[in-house]
Amino acid sequence: MAPHDVPPSPTVSPFLLAEPGAVSRRIEALGIPRPVRPGEHLYRQGEPSSSFHVVVSGRVRVHMLRPDGTVRVISWAEPGASLGEGVCFDGGLNQVSATAITPCELLVVGRDALVAAARDEPELLVEIVRRVSYKQRILHLHVFLDGLPARERVVLLLGHLVEAYGDGALGTSARLSVRPPVDELALMVGLTRVTLSRELSRLVAEGVLVKDGRSIVVRDLPTLRRRVDAVAV
């Protein structure tokens, strides 16, 4: 495989988690609190924005309405993660929407406030560039996923779920600390609910997964990781 053909690293996850560090705390200090109810939009596709958001509590769904009318879930944002930086600084229109899927507490950081602070602390803008670059890699990940068979899409998705939400992920098994609806997971990898359910059932039959109600337990974590590596390398 030539260098330009190398697929995205499996560490590029669509599950946006906390951005730790002193620089992140200084960015958060610029924010104005905003409570959001489940189902309420932080921002909408096709609209401009001069601010971005940091999640203090709750979970946010980032999604895109495609020309054919289907929805693609791009990412989830968890406490400590930020979203919406790109359009905040490029002056364009949002290419995605962000919606609270649980009650959320957010911080709204304005472009002007961050630019003013960055005159004395240029590392703030460097951090924003890093985050925008990471989200660009998430979009590349979605393009990569669309070229895979259904089974391999599901394997990569489970790998990302374990890294983000796997309790006991350092051992040989892991229980996901979230209970994601199957239709929500299907939208993240461009599959129908029926197809995703079928692939999960196959992994259960092979002994890789155990379904405990709505919970997912990866019973054979080494096997899952070998399959993830086989897809991602």
Protein backbone atom coordinates (compact mmCIF):
# COMPACT_ATOMS: atom_id res chain seq x y z
CA MET A 1 0.00 0.00 0.00
CA ALA A 2 1.44 3.37 -1.03
CA PRO A 3 1.72 6.06 1.66
CA HIS A 4 -1.09 8.13 0.13
CA ASP A 5 -3.37 5.09 0.23
CA VAL A 6 -3.06 4.51 3.99
CA PRO A 7 -6.53 4.60 5.59
CA PRO A 8 -7.31 6.67 8.66
CA SER A 9 -5.85 5.56 11.98
CA PRO A 10 -8.33 3.69 14.22
CA THR A 11 -7.50 6.24 16.93
CA VAL A 12 -9.48 8.83 14.94
CA SER A 13 -12.77 8.27 16.70
CA PRO A 14 -16.18 9.81 15.93
CA PHE A 15 -16.81 9.93 19.68
CA LEU A 16 -15.54 13.36 20.74
CA LEU A 17 -14.26 13.17 24.30
CA ALA A 18 -12.68 15.67 26.70
CA GLU A 19 -9.87 17.94 25.51
CA PRO A 20 -7.64 17.97 28.62
CA GLY A 21 -4.96 20.49 29.51
CA ALA A 22 -4.39 24.05 30.68
CA VAL A 23 -5.02 25.53 27.22
CA SER A 24 -8.43 23.85 27.06
CA ARG A 25 -9.31 25.23 30.49
CA ARG A 26 -8.41 28.75 29.34
CA ILE A 27 -10.63 28.34 26.28
CA GLU A 28 -13.51 27.16 28.49
CA ALA A 29 -13.05 30.20 30.76
CA LEU A 30 -14.06 32.38 27.80
CA GLY A 31 -17.44 30.66 27.49
CA ILE A 32 -20.92 31.79 28.46
CA PRO A 33 -23.15 29.08 30.04
CA ARG A 34 -26.07 27.78 27.98
CA PRO A 35 -28.47 25.04 29.12
CA VAL A 36 -30.00 22.97 26.32
CA ARG A 37 -32.97 20.59 26.42
CA PRO A 38 -33.03 17.19 24.69
CA GLY A 39 -33.91 17.66 21.03
CA GLU A 40 -32.84 21.30 20.98
CA HIS A 41 -30.34 22.37 18.31
CA LEU A 42 -27.04 23.99 19.22
CA TYR A 43 -26.74 24.99 15.57
CA ARG A 44 -28.28 23.92 12.27
CA GLN A 45 -26.92 22.83 8.93
CA GLY A 46 -26.90 25.72 6.46
CA GLU A 47 -26.74 28.47 9.09
CA PRO A 48 -23.75 30.72 9.92
CA SER A 49 -22.22 30.92 13.38
CA SER A 50 -19.76 33.21 15.13
CA SER A 51 -19.30 30.96 18.15
CA PHE A 52 -18.55 27.36 19.09
CA HIS A 53 -19.60 25.16 22.00
CA VAL A 54 -17.93 23.20 24.77
CA VAL A 55 -19.95 20.41 26.39
CA VAL A 56 -19.95 20.63 30.20
CA SER A 57 -22.47 17.83 30.76
CA GLY A 58 -24.72 15.68 28.62
CA ARG A 59 -24.30 14.28 25.11
CA VAL A 60 -24.62 16.00 21.74
CA ARG A 61 -25.28 14.39 18.36
CA VAL A 62 -23.59 15.89 15.30
CA HIS A 63 -25.38 14.91 12.10
CA MET A 64 -25.82 15.78 8.44
CA LEU A 65 -28.88 15.77 6.20
CA ARG A 66 -27.70 14.45 2.85
CA PRO A 67 -29.10 15.42 -0.58
CA ASP A 68 -31.03 12.13 -0.82
CA GLY A 69 -32.88 12.95 2.40
CA THR A 70 -31.00 10.44 4.59
CA VAL A 71 -29.30 11.39 7.83
CA ARG A 72 -25.68 10.56 8.65
CA VAL A 73 -24.51 10.79 12.25
CA ILE A 74 -21.01 12.27 12.16
CA SER A 75 -20.09 12.15 15.84
CA TRP A 76 -21.18 12.31 19.45
CA ALA A 77 -19.72 14.98 21.71
CA GLU A 78 -19.22 14.21 25.38
CA PRO A 79 -18.34 16.43 28.39
CA GLY A 80 -15.14 18.39 27.79
CA ALA A 81 -15.39 18.17 24.00
CA SER A 82 -15.92 21.17 21.76
CA LEU A 83 -17.74 21.42 18.45
CA GLY A 84 -18.51 23.98 15.79
CA GLU A 85 -15.07 25.60 15.64
CA GLY A 86 -14.64 25.37 11.87
CA VAL A 87 -17.59 27.47 10.74
CA CYS A 88 -17.02 29.85 13.65
CA PHE A 89 -13.71 30.91 12.13
CA ASP A 90 -14.15 30.46 8.37
CA GLY A 91 -17.27 32.61 8.09
CA GLY A 92 -19.16 30.03 6.05
CA LEU A 93 -22.30 28.01 6.72
CA ASN A 94 -22.59 24.97 8.95
CA GLN A 95 -22.27 21.72 6.99
CA VAL A 96 -23.75 19.75 9.89
CA SER A 97 -26.27 20.19 12.70
CA ALA A 98 -25.71 19.58 16.41
CA THR A 99 -28.57 18.45 18.64
CA ALA A 100 -28.70 17.65 22.35
CA ILE A 101 -29.73 14.04 22.94
CA THR A 102 -29.75 14.42 26.74
CA PRO A 103 -30.13 17.52 28.95
CA CYS A 104 -26.90 19.47 28.38
CA GLU A 105 -24.96 22.26 29.98
CA LEU A 106 -22.78 24.04 27.44
CA LEU A 107 -20.31 26.88 27.21
CA VAL A 108 -20.64 29.18 24.19
CA VAL A 109 -17.29 30.67 23.15
CA GLY A 110 -17.48 33.63 20.77
CA ARG A 111 -14.99 34.09 17.94
CA ASP A 112 -14.19 37.67 18.97
CA ALA A 113 -13.54 36.66 22.58
CA LEU A 114 -11.14 33.91 21.58
CA VAL A 115 -9.29 36.05 19.02
CA ALA A 116 -8.86 38.81 21.60
CA ALA A 117 -7.51 36.37 24.19
CA ALA A 118 -5.20 34.80 21.59
CA ARG A 119 -3.35 38.11 21.11
CA ASP A 120 -1.68 37.40 24.44
CA GLU A 121 -1.96 33.60 24.25
CA PRO A 122 -1.45 32.44 20.64
CA GLU A 123 -1.48 28.82 21.78
CA LEU A 124 -5.27 29.14 22.05
CA LEU A 125 -5.53 29.42 18.27
CA VAL A 126 -3.07 26.57 17.82
CA GLU A 127 -5.38 24.39 19.91
CA ILE A 128 -8.40 25.41 17.81
CA VAL A 129 -6.51 24.50 14.62
CA ARG A 130 -5.69 21.10 16.13
CA ARG A 131 -9.35 20.45 16.91
CA VAL A 132 -10.53 21.51 13.46
CA SER A 133 -7.90 19.24 11.90
CA TYR A 134 -9.05 16.32 14.01
CA LYS A 135 -12.65 16.81 12.94
CA GLN A 136 -11.50 16.90 9.31
CA ARG A 137 -9.98 13.47 9.92
CA ILE A 138 -13.33 12.26 11.26
CA LEU A 139 -14.92 13.21 7.94
CA HIS A 140 -12.16 11.25 6.17
CA LEU A 141 -13.03 8.31 8.41
CA HIS A 142 -16.63 8.43 7.20
CA VAL A 143 -15.48 8.42 3.57
CA PHE A 144 -13.31 5.39 4.36
CA LEU A 145 -16.21 3.60 6.06
CA ASP A 146 -18.44 4.05 3.02
CA GLY A 147 -16.03 1.96 0.98
CA LEU A 148 -16.17 -1.03 3.35
CA PRO A 149 -18.53 -4.03 3.48
CA ALA A 150 -21.14 -3.90 6.24
CA ARG A 151 -19.33 -6.35 8.52
CA GLU A 152 -16.11 -4.35 8.48
CA ARG A 153 -17.98 -1.11 9.14
CA VAL A 154 -19.54 -2.66 12.23
CA VAL A 155 -16.19 -4.02 13.45
CA LEU A 156 -14.57 -0.58 13.23
CA LEU A 157 -17.56 1.04 14.93
CA LEU A 158 -17.35 -1.43 17.83
CA GLY A 159 -13.63 -0.77 18.12
CA HIS A 160 -14.29 2.95 18.50
CA LEU A 161 -17.09 2.29 21.00
CA VAL A 162 -14.78 0.18 23.16
CA GLU A 163 -12.05 2.82 23.13
CA ALA A 164 -14.49 5.57 24.10
CA TYR A 165 -16.91 3.75 26.41
CA GLY A 166 -15.48 0.34 27.25
CA ASP A 167 -15.42 -0.46 30.97
CA GLY A 168 -12.59 -2.93 31.47
CA ALA A 169 -11.11 -2.26 28.02
CA LEU A 170 -7.61 -3.12 29.27
CA GLY A 171 -8.63 -6.73 29.90
CA THR A 172 -10.06 -9.46 27.70
CA SER A 173 -13.66 -8.22 27.80
CA ALA A 174 -15.43 -4.88 28.07
CA ARG A 175 -18.95 -3.66 28.78
CA LEU A 176 -19.98 -0.46 27.02
CA SER A 177 -20.91 2.23 29.52
CA VAL A 178 -23.45 3.67 27.08
CA ARG A 179 -26.58 2.01 25.70
CA PRO A 180 -26.71 3.33 22.14
CA PRO A 181 -29.86 2.60 20.11
CA VAL A 182 -29.18 0.34 17.14
CA ASP A 183 -30.68 2.83 14.70
CA GLU A 184 -28.34 5.54 16.00
CA LEU A 185 -25.30 3.29 15.47
CA ALA A 186 -26.56 2.38 12.01
CA LEU A 187 -26.68 6.05 11.04
CA MET A 188 -23.03 6.44 12.05
CA VAL A 189 -21.81 3.90 9.52
CA GLY A 190 -24.31 4.37 6.71
CA LEU A 191 -26.25 1.13 7.24
CA THR A 192 -29.89 0.29 7.80
CA ARG A 193 -31.05 -0.79 11.24
CA VAL A 194 -31.77 -4.27 9.87
CA THR A 195 -28.26 -4.66 8.45
CA LEU A 196 -26.55 -3.46 11.63
CA SER A 197 -28.71 -5.78 13.76
CA ARG A 198 -27.80 -8.70 11.50
CA GLU A 199 -24.07 -8.00 11.78
CA LEU A 200 -24.29 -7.66 15.57
CA SER A 201 -26.15 -10.98 15.71
CA ARG A 202 -23.37 -12.62 13.71
CA LEU A 203 -20.77 -11.34 16.18
CA VAL A 204 -22.90 -12.70 19.03
CA ALA A 205 -23.08 -16.11 17.30
CA GLU A 206 -19.28 -16.05 16.88
CA GLY A 207 -18.80 -15.40 20.60
CA VAL A 208 -17.29 -11.94 20.18
CA LEU A 209 -20.26 -10.09 21.69
CA VAL A 210 -22.92 -10.72 24.31
CA LYS A 211 -26.11 -8.66 24.28
CA ASP A 212 -27.39 -8.04 27.81
CA GLY A 213 -30.72 -6.33 27.21
CA ARG A 214 -29.82 -3.14 25.36
CA SER A 215 -26.26 -3.30 26.71
CA ILE A 216 -23.38 -4.60 24.62
CA VAL A 217 -20.57 -6.63 26.19
CA VAL A 218 -17.50 -7.42 24.13
CA ARG A 219 -16.72 -10.87 25.48
CA ASP A 220 -13.67 -11.52 23.29
CA LEU A 221 -11.80 -8.22 23.14
CA PRO A 222 -8.56 -9.64 21.62
CA THR A 223 -10.51 -11.04 18.66
CA LEU A 224 -12.33 -7.75 18.10
CA ARG A 225 -9.04 -5.84 18.15
CA ARG A 226 -7.46 -8.23 15.66
CA ARG A 227 -10.40 -7.64 13.32
CA VAL A 228 -10.16 -3.89 13.76
CA ASP A 229 -6.44 -4.01 12.94
CA ALA A 230 -7.12 -6.14 9.86
CA VAL A 231 -9.55 -3.51 8.55
CA ALA A 232 -7.59 -0.42 9.53
CA VAL A 233 -4.10 -1.42 8.34
